[in-house]
PDB file of N, CA and C in Angstrom:
ATOM      1  N   MET A   1     -17.573  -7.717  31.331  1.00  0.00           N
ATOM      2  CA  MET A   1     -18.667  -7.593  30.510  1.00  0.00           C
ATOM      3  C   MET A   1     -18.627  -6.318  29.440  1.00  0.00           C
ATOM      4  N   ALA A   2     -18.486  -6.441  28.089  1.00  0.00           N
ATOM      5  CA  ALA A   2     -18.312  -5.296  27.323  1.00  0.00           C
ATOM      6  C   ALA A   2     -20.236  -4.633  27.366  1.00  0.00           C
ATOM      7  N   THR A   3     -19.773  -3.483  27.981  1.00  0.00           N
ATOM      8  CA  THR A   3     -20.892  -1.787  27.240  1.00  0.00           C
ATOM      9  C   THR A   3     -21.139  -1.876  26.231  1.00  0.00           C
ATOM     10  N   LYS A   4     -22.451  -1.359  25.904  1.00  0.00           N
ATOM     11  CA  LYS A   4     -22.803  -1.135  25.022  1.00  0.00           C
ATOM     12  C   LYS A   4     -21.806   0.824  24.666  1.00  0.00           C
ATOM     13  N   ARG A   5     -21.209   1.241  23.792  1.00  0.00           N
ATOM     14  CA  ARG A   5     -21.063   2.498  23.668  1.00  0.00           C
ATOM     15  C   ARG A   5     -22.602   3.291  23.246  1.00  0.00           C
ATOM     16  N   LYS A   6     -22.756   4.326  24.121  1.00  0.00           N
ATOM     17  CA  LYS A   6     -23.925   5.237  23.679  1.00  0.00           C
ATOM     18  C   LYS A   6     -23.637   6.232  22.394  1.00  0.00           C
ATOM     19  N   ILE A   7     -24.169   5.842  21.504  1.00  0.00           N
ATOM     20  CA  ILE A   7     -24.400   6.478  20.291  1.00  0.00           C
ATOM     21  C   ILE A   7     -24.992   8.133  19.868  1.00  0.00           C
ATOM     22  N   THR A   8     -24.188   8.795  20.097  1.00  0.00           N
ATOM     23  CA  THR A   8     -24.032  10.415  20.183  1.00  0.00           C
ATOM     24  C   THR A   8     -24.690  11.101  18.658  1.00  0.00           C
ATOM     25  N   PRO A   9     -25.939  11.357  18.373  1.00  0.00           N
ATOM     26  CA  PRO A   9     -26.345  11.640  16.997  1.00  0.00           C
ATOM     27  C   PRO A   9     -25.226  13.042  16.785  1.00  0.00           C
ATOM     28  N   PHE A  10     -25.071  13.229  15.351  1.00  0.00           N
ATOM     29  CA  PHE A  10     -24.468  14.355  14.820  1.00  0.00           C
ATOM     30  C   PHE A  10     -25.820  16.027  14.936  1.00  0.00           C
ATOM     31  N   LEU A  11     -25.053  16.970  15.786  1.00  0.00           N
ATOM     32  CA  LEU A  11     -25.850  17.667  15.373  1.00  0.00           C
ATOM     33  C   LEU A  11     -26.301  18.680  13.874  1.00  0.00           C
ATOM     34  N   LEU A  12     -27.072  19.687  13.845  1.00  0.00           N
ATOM     35  CA  LEU A  12     -27.235  19.900  12.764  1.00  0.00           C
ATOM     36  C   LEU A  12     -26.681  20.694  11.916  1.00  0.00           C
ATOM     37  N   TYR A  13     -25.741  21.315  12.639  1.00  0.00           N
ATOM     38  CA  TYR A  13     -24.163  21.856  11.597  1.00  0.00           C
ATOM     39  C   TYR A  13     -23.223  20.987  11.278  1.00  0.00           C
ATOM     40  N   GLU A  14     -23.505  19.497  11.560  1.00  0.00           N
ATOM     41  CA  GLU A  14     -22.568  18.766  11.102  1.00  0.00           C
ATOM     42  C   GLU A  14     -22.956  17.818  10.231  1.00  0.00           C
ATOM     43  N   GLY A  15     -24.194  18.517   9.577  1.00  0.00           N
ATOM     44  CA  GLY A  15     -24.680  17.351   8.646  1.00  0.00           C
ATOM     45  C   GLY A  15     -26.463  17.179   8.573  1.00  0.00           C
ATOM     46  N   ARG A  16     -26.865  16.303   7.628  1.00  0.00           N
ATOM     47  CA  ARG A  16     -28.583  16.719   7.706  1.00  0.00           C
ATOM     48  C   ARG A  16     -28.592  15.587   8.272  1.00  0.00           C
ATOM     49  N   CYS A  17     -28.316  14.541   8.686  1.00  0.00           N
ATOM     50  CA  CYS A  17     -28.429  13.058   8.896  1.00  0.00           C
ATOM     51  C   CYS A  17     -27.568  12.901  10.311  1.00  0.00           C
ATOM     52  N   ALA A  18     -28.445  12.669  11.731  1.00  0.00           N
ATOM     53  CA  ALA A  18     -28.053  12.407  13.237  1.00  0.00           C
ATOM     54  C   ALA A  18     -27.633  11.064  12.993  1.00  0.00           C
ATOM     55  N   ASP A  19     -27.780  10.241  12.321  1.00  0.00           N
ATOM     56  CA  ASP A  19     -27.489   9.476  12.462  1.00  0.00           C
ATOM     57  C   ASP A  19     -26.013   8.600  11.705  1.00  0.00           C
ATOM     58  N   ASP A  20     -25.775   9.915  10.398  1.00  0.00           N
ATOM     59  CA  ASP A  20     -24.592   9.385   9.631  1.00  0.00           C
ATOM     60  C   ASP A  20     -23.283   8.889  10.036  1.00  0.00           C
ATOM     61  N   ASN A  21     -22.380   8.338   9.124  1.00  0.00           N
ATOM     62  CA  ASN A  21     -21.047   8.120   9.071  1.00  0.00           C
ATOM     63  C   ASN A  21     -20.437   8.835   9.367  1.00  0.00           C
ATOM     64  N   HIS A  22     -19.076   8.983   9.616  1.00  0.00           N
ATOM     65  CA  HIS A  22     -18.288  10.100  10.126  1.00  0.00           C
ATOM     66  C   HIS A  22     -16.684   9.248   9.839  1.00  0.00           C
ATOM     67  N   VAL A  23     -16.107  10.489   9.226  1.00  0.00           N
ATOM     68  CA  VAL A  23     -14.093  10.154   9.193  1.00  0.00           C
ATOM     69  C   VAL A  23     -13.215  10.273  10.264  1.00  0.00           C
ATOM     70  N   ARG A  24     -12.835   9.860  10.695  1.00  0.00           N
ATOM     71  CA  ARG A  24     -11.905  10.202  11.777  1.00  0.00           C
ATOM     72  C   ARG A  24     -10.500  10.533  12.088  1.00  0.00           C
ATOM     73  N   ILE A  25     -10.387  11.868  12.231  1.00  0.00           N
ATOM     74  CA  ILE A  25      -8.981  12.222  12.289  1.00  0.00           C
ATOM     75  C   ILE A  25      -8.777  12.783  13.176  1.00  0.00           C
ATOM     76  N   THR A  26      -7.849  12.686  14.308  1.00  0.00           N
ATOM     77  CA  THR A  26      -7.144  12.725  15.523  1.00  0.00           C
ATOM     78  C   THR A  26      -7.106  14.590  15.152  1.00  0.00           C
ATOM     79  N   ASN A  27      -6.682  14.798  16.679  1.00  0.00           N
ATOM     80  CA  ASN A  27      -6.217  16.615  16.792  1.00  0.00           C
ATOM     81  C   ASN A  27      -4.948  16.407  16.658  1.00  0.00           C
ATOM     82  N   ASP A  28      -4.340  15.156  16.960  1.00  0.00           N
ATOM     83  CA  ASP A  28      -3.104  15.044  16.839  1.00  0.00           C
ATOM     84  C   ASP A  28      -2.292  15.294  15.462  1.00  0.00           C
ATOM     85  N   MET A  29      -2.912  14.258  14.553  1.00  0.00           N
ATOM     86  CA  MET A  29      -2.994  14.447  13.211  1.00  0.00           C
ATOM     87  C   MET A  29      -3.092  15.842  12.691  1.00  0.00           C
ATOM     88  N   LEU A  30      -3.610  16.679  13.171  1.00  0.00           N
ATOM     89  CA  LEU A  30      -4.415  18.022  12.512  1.00  0.00           C
ATOM     90  C   LEU A  30      -2.911  18.982  13.072  1.00  0.00           C
ATOM     91  N   ALA A  31      -2.635  18.626  14.175  1.00  0.00           N
ATOM     92  CA  ALA A  31      -1.950  19.568  14.595  1.00  0.00           C
ATOM     93  C   ALA A  31      -0.118  19.082  14.003  1.00  0.00           C
ATOM     94  N   HIS A  32      -0.200  17.971  13.372  1.00  0.00           N
ATOM     95  CA  HIS A  32       1.104  17.993  13.244  1.00  0.00           C
ATOM     96  C   HIS A  32       1.546  18.279  11.835  1.00  0.00           C
ATOM     97  N   PRO A  33       2.714  19.285  11.868  1.00  0.00           N
ATOM     98  CA  PRO A  33       3.491  19.436  11.143  1.00  0.00           C
ATOM     99  C   PRO A  33       3.166  19.026   9.389  1.00  0.00           C
ATOM    100  N   LYS A  34       3.583  17.655   9.766  1.00  0.00           N
ATOM    101  CA  LYS A  34       3.072  17.327   7.964  1.00  0.00           C
ATOM    102  C   LYS A  34       1.970  17.247   7.374  1.00  0.00           C
ATOM    103  N   PHE A  35       0.702  17.485   8.059  1.00  0.00           N
ATOM    104  CA  PHE A  35      -0.342  17.419   7.834  1.00  0.00           C
ATOM    105  C   PHE A  35      -0.321  18.526   8.169  1.00  0.00           C
ATOM    106  N   ILE A  36      -0.419  19.589   8.300  1.00  0.00           N
ATOM    107  CA  ILE A  36      -0.075  20.973   8.329  1.00  0.00           C
ATOM    108  C   ILE A  36       0.041  21.169   6.751  1.00  0.00           C
ATOM    109  N   ASN A  37       1.335  20.886   6.321  1.00  0.00           N
ATOM    110  CA  ASN A  37       2.133  21.439   5.035  1.00  0.00           C
ATOM    111  C   ASN A  37       1.174  20.313   4.146  1.00  0.00           C
ATOM    112  N   LEU A  38       0.196  19.810   4.109  1.00  0.00           N
ATOM    113  CA  LEU A  38      -0.391  18.753   2.959  1.00  0.00           C
ATOM    114  C   LEU A  38      -0.987  20.103   1.879  1.00  0.00           C
ATOM    115  N   SER A  39      -0.663  19.932   0.775  1.00  0.00           N
ATOM    116  CA  SER A  39      -1.797  20.787  -0.251  1.00  0.00           C
ATOM    117  C   SER A  39      -3.216  20.344   0.415  1.00  0.00           C
ATOM    118  N   SER A  40      -3.644  21.608   0.171  1.00  0.00           N
ATOM    119  CA  SER A  40      -5.476  20.971   0.431  1.00  0.00           C
ATOM    120  C   SER A  40      -6.314  19.947  -0.812  1.00  0.00           C
ATOM    121  N   ALA A  41      -5.723  19.779  -1.646  1.00  0.00           N
ATOM    122  CA  ALA A  41      -6.410  18.733  -2.520  1.00  0.00           C
ATOM    123  C   ALA A  41      -5.891  17.274  -1.575  1.00  0.00           C
ATOM    124  N   ALA A  42      -4.603  17.251  -1.669  1.00  0.00           N
ATOM    125  CA  ALA A  42      -4.423  15.627  -0.666  1.00  0.00           C
ATOM    126  C   ALA A  42      -5.089  15.607   0.827  1.00  0.00           C
ATOM    127  N   LYS A  43      -5.366  16.988   1.328  1.00  0.00           N
ATOM    128  CA  LYS A  43      -6.355  16.511   2.375  1.00  0.00           C
ATOM    129  C   LYS A  43      -7.434  16.412   2.197  1.00  0.00           C
ATOM    130  N   ILE A  44      -7.894  16.919   1.392  1.00  0.00           N
ATOM    131  CA  ILE A  44      -9.356  16.494   1.168  1.00  0.00           C
ATOM    132  C   ILE A  44      -9.469  14.758   0.058  1.00  0.00           C
ATOM    133  N   LEU A  45      -8.423  14.563  -0.466  1.00  0.00           N
ATOM    134  CA  LEU A  45      -8.242  13.313  -0.769  1.00  0.00           C
ATOM    135  C   LEU A  45      -8.501  12.362   0.189  1.00  0.00           C
ATOM    136  N   TYR A  46      -7.489  12.907   0.993  1.00  0.00           N
ATOM    137  CA  TYR A  46      -7.527  11.886   2.344  1.00  0.00           C
ATOM    138  C   TYR A  46      -8.458  11.455   3.273  1.00  0.00           C
ATOM    139  N   ILE A  47      -9.124  12.687   3.015  1.00  0.00           N
ATOM    140  CA  ILE A  47     -10.199  12.450   4.147  1.00  0.00           C
ATOM    141  C   ILE A  47     -11.850  12.218   3.081  1.00  0.00           C
ATOM    142  N   TYR A  48     -11.794  12.175   1.787  1.00  0.00           N
ATOM    143  CA  TYR A  48     -12.811  10.989   0.746  1.00  0.00           C
ATOM    144  C   TYR A  48     -12.359   9.874   1.148  1.00  0.00           C
ATOM    145  N   MET A  49     -10.756   9.256   1.236  1.00  0.00           N
ATOM    146  CA  MET A  49      -9.761   8.178   1.269  1.00  0.00           C
ATOM    147  C   MET A  49     -10.535   7.205   2.370  1.00  0.00           C
ATOM    148  N   LYS A  50     -10.590   7.786   3.466  1.00  0.00           N
ATOM    149  CA  LYS A  50     -10.916   7.648   4.712  1.00  0.00           C
ATOM    150  C   LYS A  50     -12.368   7.408   4.967  1.00  0.00           C
ATOM    151  N   ALA A  51     -13.262   8.072   4.165  1.00  0.00           N
ATOM    152  CA  ALA A  51     -15.082   8.006   4.202  1.00  0.00           C
ATOM    153  C   ALA A  51     -15.300   6.721   3.528  1.00  0.00           C
ATOM    154  N   TRP A  52     -14.166   6.338   1.966  1.00  0.00           N
ATOM    155  CA  TRP A  52     -14.776   5.340   1.114  1.00  0.00           C
ATOM    156  C   TRP A  52     -14.361   3.757   1.772  1.00  0.00           C
ATOM    157  N   SER A  53     -13.202   4.171   2.724  1.00  0.00           N
ATOM    158  CA  SER A  53     -12.942   2.800   3.826  1.00  0.00           C
ATOM    159  C   SER A  53     -13.454   2.370   4.173  1.00  0.00           C
ATOM    160  N   LYS A  54     -14.245   3.134   4.930  1.00  0.00           N
ATOM    161  CA  LYS A  54     -15.481   2.669   5.847  1.00  0.00           C
ATOM    162  C   LYS A  54     -14.635   2.092   7.625  1.00  0.00           C
ATOM    163  N   GLY A  55     -13.841   2.627   7.966  1.00  0.00           N
ATOM    164  CA  GLY A  55     -12.913   2.561   8.927  1.00  0.00           C
ATOM    165  C   GLY A  55     -11.728   1.197   9.003  1.00  0.00           C
ATOM    166  N   HIS A  56     -12.044   0.696   7.873  1.00  0.00           N
ATOM    167  CA  HIS A  56     -10.824  -0.500   7.339  1.00  0.00           C
ATOM    168  C   HIS A  56      -9.338   0.436   7.307  1.00  0.00           C
ATOM    169  N   THR A  57      -8.388  -0.272   7.031  1.00  0.00           N
ATOM    170  CA  THR A  57      -6.765   0.510   7.226  1.00  0.00           C
ATOM    171  C   THR A  57      -6.328   0.127   5.729  1.00  0.00           C
ATOM    172  N   THR A  58      -6.800  -0.978   4.548  1.00  0.00           N
ATOM    173  CA  THR A  58      -6.905  -0.880   3.751  1.00  0.00           C
ATOM    174  C   THR A  58      -8.216  -0.042   2.512  1.00  0.00           C
ATOM    175  N   VAL A  59      -7.463   0.337   1.131  1.00  0.00           N
ATOM    176  CA  VAL A  59      -8.472   1.344   0.231  1.00  0.00           C
ATOM    177  C   VAL A  59      -8.139   1.223  -1.094  1.00  0.00           C
ATOM    178  N   VAL A  60      -8.910   0.771  -1.801  1.00  0.00           N
ATOM    179  CA  VAL A  60      -9.144   0.739  -3.122  1.00  0.00           C
ATOM    180  C   VAL A  60      -8.944   1.883  -3.664  1.00  0.00           C
ATOM    181  N   TYR A  61      -8.527   2.672  -4.630  1.00  0.00           N
ATOM    182  CA  TYR A  61      -9.217   3.944  -4.834  1.00  0.00           C
ATOM    183  C   TYR A  61      -8.593   4.516  -5.992  1.00  0.00           C
ATOM    184  N   SER A  62      -9.211   5.233  -7.402  1.00  0.00           N
ATOM    185  CA  SER A  62      -8.534   5.796  -8.574  1.00  0.00           C
ATOM    186  C   SER A  62      -8.464   7.119  -8.802  1.00  0.00           C
ATOM    187  N   ALA A  63      -8.636   7.719  -9.967  1.00  0.00           N
ATOM    188  CA  ALA A  63      -8.688   8.711 -10.239  1.00  0.00           C
ATOM    189  C   ALA A  63     -10.235   8.993 -10.480  1.00  0.00           C
ATOM    190  N   SER A  64     -10.368   7.764 -11.322  1.00  0.00           N
ATOM    191  CA  SER A  64     -12.503   8.443 -11.460  1.00  0.00           C
ATOM    192  C   SER A  64     -13.142   7.735 -10.558  1.00  0.00           C
ATOM    193  N   MET A  65     -12.791   7.728  -9.270  1.00  0.00           N
ATOM    194  CA  MET A  65     -13.213   7.765  -7.985  1.00  0.00           C
ATOM    195  C   MET A  65     -13.664   9.524  -7.754  1.00  0.00           C
ATOM    196  N   ALA A  66     -12.243  10.333  -7.933  1.00  0.00           N
ATOM    197  CA  ALA A  66     -11.851  11.685  -7.121  1.00  0.00           C
ATOM    198  C   ALA A  66     -12.624  12.132  -8.492  1.00  0.00           C
ATOM    199  N   SER A  67     -13.041  11.895  -9.356  1.00  0.00           N
ATOM    200  CA  SER A  67     -12.927  13.346 -10.225  1.00  0.00           C
ATOM    201  C   SER A  67     -14.331  13.756 -10.141  1.00  0.00           C
ATOM    202  N   ALA A  68     -14.971  13.691  -9.049  1.00  0.00           N
ATOM    203  CA  ALA A  68     -16.177  14.473  -8.675  1.00  0.00           C
ATOM    204  C   ALA A  68     -15.781  15.896  -7.823  1.00  0.00           C
ATOM    205  N   TYR A  69     -14.516  16.044  -7.526  1.00  0.00           N
ATOM    206  CA  TYR A  69     -14.322  16.428  -6.874  1.00  0.00           C
ATOM    207  C   TYR A  69     -12.655  17.616  -6.986  1.00  0.00           C
ATOM    208  N   MET A  70     -12.310  16.503  -7.652  1.00  0.00           N
ATOM    209  CA  MET A  70     -10.769  17.262  -8.889  1.00  0.00           C
ATOM    210  C   MET A  70     -10.753  16.853  -9.813  1.00  0.00           C
ATOM    211  N   SER A  71      -9.875  16.843 -10.585  1.00  0.00           N
ATOM    212  CA  SER A  71      -8.993  16.748 -11.839  1.00  0.00           C
ATOM    213  C   SER A  71      -7.709  15.576 -11.831  1.00  0.00           C
ATOM    214  N   LYS A  72      -7.883  14.366 -12.536  1.00  0.00           N
ATOM    215  CA  LYS A  72      -6.876  13.463 -12.658  1.00  0.00           C
ATOM    216  C   LYS A  72      -5.630  13.633 -12.260  1.00  0.00           C
ATOM    217  N   PRO A  73      -4.435  15.022 -13.003  1.00  0.00           N
ATOM    218  CA  PRO A  73      -3.156  15.653 -12.642  1.00  0.00           C
ATOM    219  C   PRO A  73      -3.535  16.090 -10.873  1.00  0.00           C
ATOM    220  N   THR A  74      -4.744  16.671 -10.439  1.00  0.00           N
ATOM    221  CA  THR A  74      -4.521  16.719  -8.916  1.00  0.00           C
ATOM    222  C   THR A  74      -4.302  15.806  -8.251  1.00  0.00           C
ATOM    223  N   TYR A  75      -5.378  14.706  -8.757  1.00  0.00           N
ATOM    224  CA  TYR A  75      -5.194  13.106  -7.499  1.00  0.00           C
ATOM    225  C   TYR A  75      -3.638  12.902  -7.971  1.00  0.00           C
ATOM    226  N   PHE A  76      -3.341  12.420  -8.888  1.00  0.00           N
ATOM    227  CA  PHE A  76      -2.147  12.113  -9.143  1.00  0.00           C
ATOM    228  C   PHE A  76      -0.951  12.483  -8.154  1.00  0.00           C
ATOM    229  N   LYS A  77      -1.274  14.044  -8.002  1.00  0.00           N
ATOM    230  CA  LYS A  77      -0.418  14.807  -7.558  1.00  0.00           C
ATOM    231  C   LYS A  77      -0.319  14.564  -5.737  1.00  0.00           C
ATOM    232  N   ALA A  78      -1.840  14.630  -5.689  1.00  0.00           N
ATOM    233  CA  ALA A  78      -2.056  14.782  -4.135  1.00  0.00           C
ATOM    234  C   ALA A  78      -1.818  13.195  -3.487  1.00  0.00           C
ATOM    235  N   ARG A  79      -2.539  12.347  -4.766  1.00  0.00           N
ATOM    236  CA  ARG A  79      -2.542  10.619  -4.302  1.00  0.00           C
ATOM    237  C   ARG A  79      -0.920  10.840  -3.843  1.00  0.00           C
ATOM    238  N   ASP A  80       0.513  11.183  -4.508  1.00  0.00           N
ATOM    239  CA  ASP A  80       1.605  10.919  -4.491  1.00  0.00           C
ATOM    240  C   ASP A  80       1.893  11.737  -3.577  1.00  0.00           C
ATOM    241  N   GLU A  81       1.830  12.944  -2.921  1.00  0.00           N
ATOM    242  CA  GLU A  81       1.684  13.655  -1.791  1.00  0.00           C
ATOM    243  C   GLU A  81       1.770  12.954  -0.549  1.00  0.00           C
ATOM    244  N   LEU A  82       0.442  12.678  -0.375  1.00  0.00           N
ATOM    245  CA  LEU A  82      -0.003  11.673   0.240  1.00  0.00           C
ATOM    246  C   LEU A  82       1.187  10.212   0.845  1.00  0.00           C
ATOM    247  N   VAL A  83       1.461   9.439  -0.420  1.00  0.00           N
ATOM    248  CA  VAL A  83       2.599   8.731   0.119  1.00  0.00           C
ATOM    249  C   VAL A  83       3.558   9.063   0.316  1.00  0.00           C
ATOM    250  N   GLU A  84       4.476   9.930  -0.183  1.00  0.00           N
ATOM    251  CA  GLU A  84       5.315  10.495   0.490  1.00  0.00           C
ATOM    252  C   GLU A  84       5.688  11.708   1.337  1.00  0.00           C
ATOM    253  N   SER A  85       4.437  11.738   1.840  1.00  0.00           N
ATOM    254  CA  SER A  85       4.831  11.944   3.606  1.00  0.00           C
ATOM    255  C   SER A  85       4.045  11.515   4.340  1.00  0.00           C
ATOM    256  N   GLY A  86       4.073  10.159   3.954  1.00  0.00           N
ATOM    257  CA  GLY A  86       3.682   9.277   4.674  1.00  0.00           C
ATOM    258  C   GLY A  86       2.043   8.868   5.421  1.00  0.00           C
ATOM    259  N   PHE A  87       1.535   9.291   4.895  1.00  0.00           N
ATOM    260  CA  PHE A  87      -0.106   9.038   5.097  1.00  0.00           C
ATOM    261  C   PHE A  87      -0.997   7.852   4.292  1.00  0.00           C
ATOM    262  N   LEU A  88      -0.010   7.261   3.428  1.00  0.00           N
ATOM    263  CA  LEU A  88      -0.694   6.328   3.032  1.00  0.00           C
ATOM    264  C   LEU A  88       0.959   5.383   2.207  1.00  0.00           C
ATOM    265  N   GLU A  89       0.426   4.088   2.208  1.00  0.00           N
ATOM    266  CA  GLU A  89       1.420   3.039   1.325  1.00  0.00           C
ATOM    267  C   GLU A  89       0.825   2.503   0.417  1.00  0.00           C
ATOM    268  N   TRP A  90       1.566   2.105  -0.791  1.00  0.00           N
ATOM    269  CA  TRP A  90       0.747   1.188  -1.622  1.00  0.00           C
ATOM    270  C   TRP A  90       1.073  -0.021  -1.275  1.00  0.00           C
ATOM    271  N   ILE A  91       0.219  -0.730  -1.602  1.00  0.00           N
ATOM    272  CA  ILE A  91      -0.433  -2.502  -1.339  1.00  0.00           C
ATOM    273  C   ILE A  91      -0.222  -2.501  -2.653  1.00  0.00           C
ATOM    274  N   ASN A  92      -1.205  -2.269  -3.711  1.00  0.00           N
ATOM    275  CA  ASN A  92      -0.930  -2.506  -5.147  1.00  0.00           C
ATOM    276  C   ASN A  92      -0.909  -1.364  -5.539  1.00  0.00           C
ATOM    277  N   LYS A  93       0.673  -1.366  -6.772  1.00  0.00           N
ATOM    278  CA  LYS A  93       1.068  -0.289  -7.282  1.00  0.00           C
ATOM    279  C   LYS A  93       0.854  -0.701  -8.705  1.00  0.00           C
ATOM    280  N   PRO A  94       0.089  -0.402  -9.513  1.00  0.00           N
ATOM    281  CA  PRO A  94      -0.180  -0.344 -10.656  1.00  0.00           C
ATOM    282  C   PRO A  94       0.816  -0.341 -11.774  1.00  0.00           C
ATOM    283  N   SER A  95       1.354  -0.525 -12.703  1.00  0.00           N
ATOM    284  CA  SER A  95       2.800  -0.463 -13.389  1.00  0.00           C
ATOM    285  C   SER A  95       2.724   0.254 -14.611  1.00  0.00           C
ATOM    286  N   SER A  96       1.546   0.433 -14.932  1.00  0.00           N
ATOM    287  CA  SER A  96       1.385   1.425 -16.251  1.00  0.00           C
ATOM    288  C   SER A  96      -0.199   1.377 -16.658  1.00  0.00           C
ATOM    289  N   ALA A  97       0.103   2.521 -17.474  1.00  0.00           N
ATOM    290  CA  ALA A  97      -1.477   2.263 -18.013  1.00  0.00           C
ATOM    291  C   ALA A  97      -1.514   1.681 -19.321  1.00  0.00           C
ATOM    292  N   LYS A  98      -0.061   1.443 -20.043  1.00  0.00           N
ATOM    293  CA  LYS A  98      -0.662   0.899 -20.784  1.00  0.00           C
ATOM    294  C   LYS A  98      -0.867  -1.098 -20.917  1.00  0.00           C
ATOM    295  N   GLU A  99      -1.316  -1.489 -19.629  1.00  0.00           N
ATOM    296  CA  GLU A  99      -1.104  -2.977 -19.639  1.00  0.00           C
ATOM    297  C   GLU A  99      -2.314  -3.483 -19.694  1.00  0.00           C
ATOM    298  N   SER A 100      -2.266  -4.820 -20.187  1.00  0.00           N
ATOM    299  CA  SER A 100      -3.560  -4.723 -21.088  1.00  0.00           C
ATOM    300  C   SER A 100      -4.584  -5.036 -19.817  1.00  0.00           C
ATOM    301  N   ARG A 101      -6.074  -4.323 -20.370  1.00  0.00           N
ATOM    302  CA  ARG A 101      -7.144  -4.142 -19.400  1.00  0.00           C
ATOM    303  C   ARG A 101      -7.082  -5.899 -18.245  1.00  0.00           C
ATOM    304  N   GLU A 102      -6.993  -7.035 -18.924  1.00  0.00           N
ATOM    305  CA  GLU A 102      -6.838  -8.395 -18.242  1.00  0.00           C
ATOM    306  C   GLU A 102      -6.143  -8.654 -16.710  1.00  0.00           C
ATOM    307  N   SER A 103      -4.878  -7.319 -16.961  1.00  0.00           N
ATOM    308  CA  SER A 103      -3.731  -7.887 -16.197  1.00  0.00           C
ATOM    309  C   SER A 103      -3.910  -7.082 -15.109  1.00  0.00           C
ATOM    310  N   TYR A 104      -4.953  -5.736 -15.334  1.00  0.00           N
ATOM    311  CA  TYR A 104      -5.149  -4.424 -14.587  1.00  0.00           C
ATOM    312  C   TYR A 104      -5.321  -4.567 -13.683  1.00  0.00           C
ATOM    313  N   GLN A 105      -4.851  -4.233 -12.396  1.00  0.00           N
ATOM    314  CA  GLN A 105      -5.307  -4.824 -10.923  1.00  0.00           C
ATOM    315  C   GLN A 105      -5.563  -2.723 -10.121  1.00  0.00           C
ATOM    316  N   PRO A 106      -6.692  -2.572  -9.910  1.00  0.00           N
ATOM    317  CA  PRO A 106      -6.681  -1.135  -9.003  1.00  0.00           C
ATOM    318  C   PRO A 106      -5.395  -0.600  -8.310  1.00  0.00           C
ATOM    319  N   ALA A 107      -5.730   0.419  -7.748  1.00  0.00           N
ATOM    320  CA  ALA A 107      -4.572   0.939  -6.691  1.00  0.00           C
ATOM    321  C   ALA A 107      -4.587   0.876  -5.356  1.00  0.00           C
ATOM    322  N   GLU A 108      -4.341   0.090  -4.967  1.00  0.00           N
ATOM    323  CA  GLU A 108      -5.389  -0.193  -3.464  1.00  0.00           C
ATOM    324  C   GLU A 108      -4.021   0.453  -2.493  1.00  0.00           C
ATOM    325  N   PHE A 109      -4.422   0.931  -1.139  1.00  0.00           N
ATOM    326  CA  PHE A 109      -3.676   1.948  -0.150  1.00  0.00           C
ATOM    327  C   PHE A 109      -4.154   0.961   1.151  1.00  0.00           C
ATOM    328  N   GLU A 110      -2.846   1.728   1.850  1.00  0.00           N
ATOM    329  CA  GLU A 110      -2.896   0.829   3.162  1.00  0.00           C
ATOM    330  C   GLU A 110      -2.456   2.844   3.761  1.00  0.00           C
ATOM    331  N   PHE A 111      -3.742   2.586   5.009  1.00  0.00           N
ATOM    332  CA  PHE A 111      -3.302   4.075   5.914  1.00  0.00           C
ATOM    333  C   PHE A 111      -2.518   3.746   6.685  1.00  0.00           C
ATOM    334  N   SER A 112      -1.533   4.756   6.512  1.00  0.00           N
ATOM    335  CA  SER A 112       0.383   4.671   7.324  1.00  0.00           C
ATOM    336  C   SER A 112      -0.138   5.481   8.721  1.00  0.00           C
ATOM    337  N   ALA A 113       1.359   4.962   9.651  1.00  0.00           N
ATOM    338  CA  ALA A 113       2.038   5.789  10.281  1.00  0.00           C
ATOM    339  C   ALA A 113       3.113   6.665  10.167  1.00  0.00           C
ATOM    340  N   ILE A 114       3.603   6.168   9.119  1.00  0.00           N
ATOM    341  CA  ILE A 114       4.540   6.762   8.515  1.00  0.00           C
ATOM    342  C   ILE A 114       4.852   8.240   9.137  1.00  0.00           C
ATOM    343  N   TRP A 115       4.025   8.818   8.742  1.00  0.00           N
ATOM    344  CA  TRP A 115       3.663  10.453   9.151  1.00  0.00           C
ATOM    345  C   TRP A 115       4.488  10.664  10.347  1.00  0.00           C
ATOM    346  N   HIS A 116       4.584  10.215  11.531  1.00  0.00           N
ATOM    347  CA  HIS A 116       4.902  10.405  12.927  1.00  0.00           C
ATOM    348  C   HIS A 116       5.760   9.125  13.634  1.00  0.00           C
ATOM    349  N   THR A 117       5.590   7.840  12.816  1.00  0.00           N
ATOM    350  CA  THR A 117       7.183   7.228  12.818  1.00  0.00           C
ATOM    351  C   THR A 117       7.875   7.269  12.310  1.00  0.00           C
ATOM    352  N   LYS A 118       8.056   7.828  11.242  1.00  0.00           N
ATOM    353  CA  LYS A 118       9.528   7.506  10.021  1.00  0.00           C
ATOM    354  C   LYS A 118       9.674   6.564   9.589  1.00  0.00           C
ATOM    355  N   LYS A 119       9.158   4.734   9.951  1.00  0.00           N
ATOM    356  CA  LYS A 119       9.604   3.807   9.099  1.00  0.00           C
ATOM    357  C   LYS A 119       8.651   3.407   8.361  1.00  0.00           C
ATOM    358  N   ARG A 120       9.176   3.023   7.452  1.00  0.00           N
ATOM    359  CA  ARG A 120       7.948   2.175   6.612  1.00  0.00           C
ATOM    360  C   ARG A 120       8.426   0.813   6.956  1.00  0.00           C
ATOM    361  N   LYS A 121       7.298  -0.225   6.376  1.00  0.00           N
ATOM    362  CA  LYS A 121       6.832  -0.995   6.742  1.00  0.00           C
ATOM    363  C   LYS A 121       7.933  -1.870   6.431  1.00  0.00           C
ATOM    364  N   SER A 122       8.721  -1.896   5.235  1.00  0.00           N
ATOM    365  CA  SER A 122       9.504  -2.274   4.777  1.00  0.00           C
ATOM    366  C   SER A 122      11.075  -2.074   5.177  1.00  0.00           C
ATOM    367  N   GLU A 123      11.099  -1.187   6.604  1.00  0.00           N
ATOM    368  CA  GLU A 123      12.208  -1.058   6.821  1.00  0.00           C
ATOM    369  C   GLU A 123      12.741  -1.817   8.718  1.00  0.00           C
ATOM    370  N   PRO A 124      13.524  -2.525   8.449  1.00  0.00           N
ATOM    371  CA  PRO A 124      14.206  -2.930   9.417  1.00  0.00           C
ATOM    372  C   PRO A 124      13.868  -2.068  10.749  1.00  0.00           C
ATOM    373  N   VAL A 125      13.159  -2.564  12.050  1.00  0.00           N
ATOM    374  CA  VAL A 125      12.909  -1.450  13.394  1.00  0.00           C
ATOM    375  C   VAL A 125      14.374  -1.488  14.260  1.00  0.00           C
TER     376      VAL A 125
END
């Protein structure tokens, strides 16, 4: 029989709400050279994307969503850095900004383990 997990409230220095949501980032990731070498913007974007995903493995995210904390050029650079470093993989990559509005699909990403496994989903095992 499964037991319920005890919910530990956040402490005052962790936030204003004791029952708030959290972003899960492991010590292994924090100590990994690929994470350490990410730009500050890429780390911040990753944290916001994890928060927006609410624990799901995929996330739809755009430059306009990041506009509260970074410029569009910074978003694009950070996003590409996360993909290149293996923290994100594209699920749906819009082909160009010139596409008609009717056929536009927002960018969708999957959180990835490539940063430590070195294998893309499309690569053979």
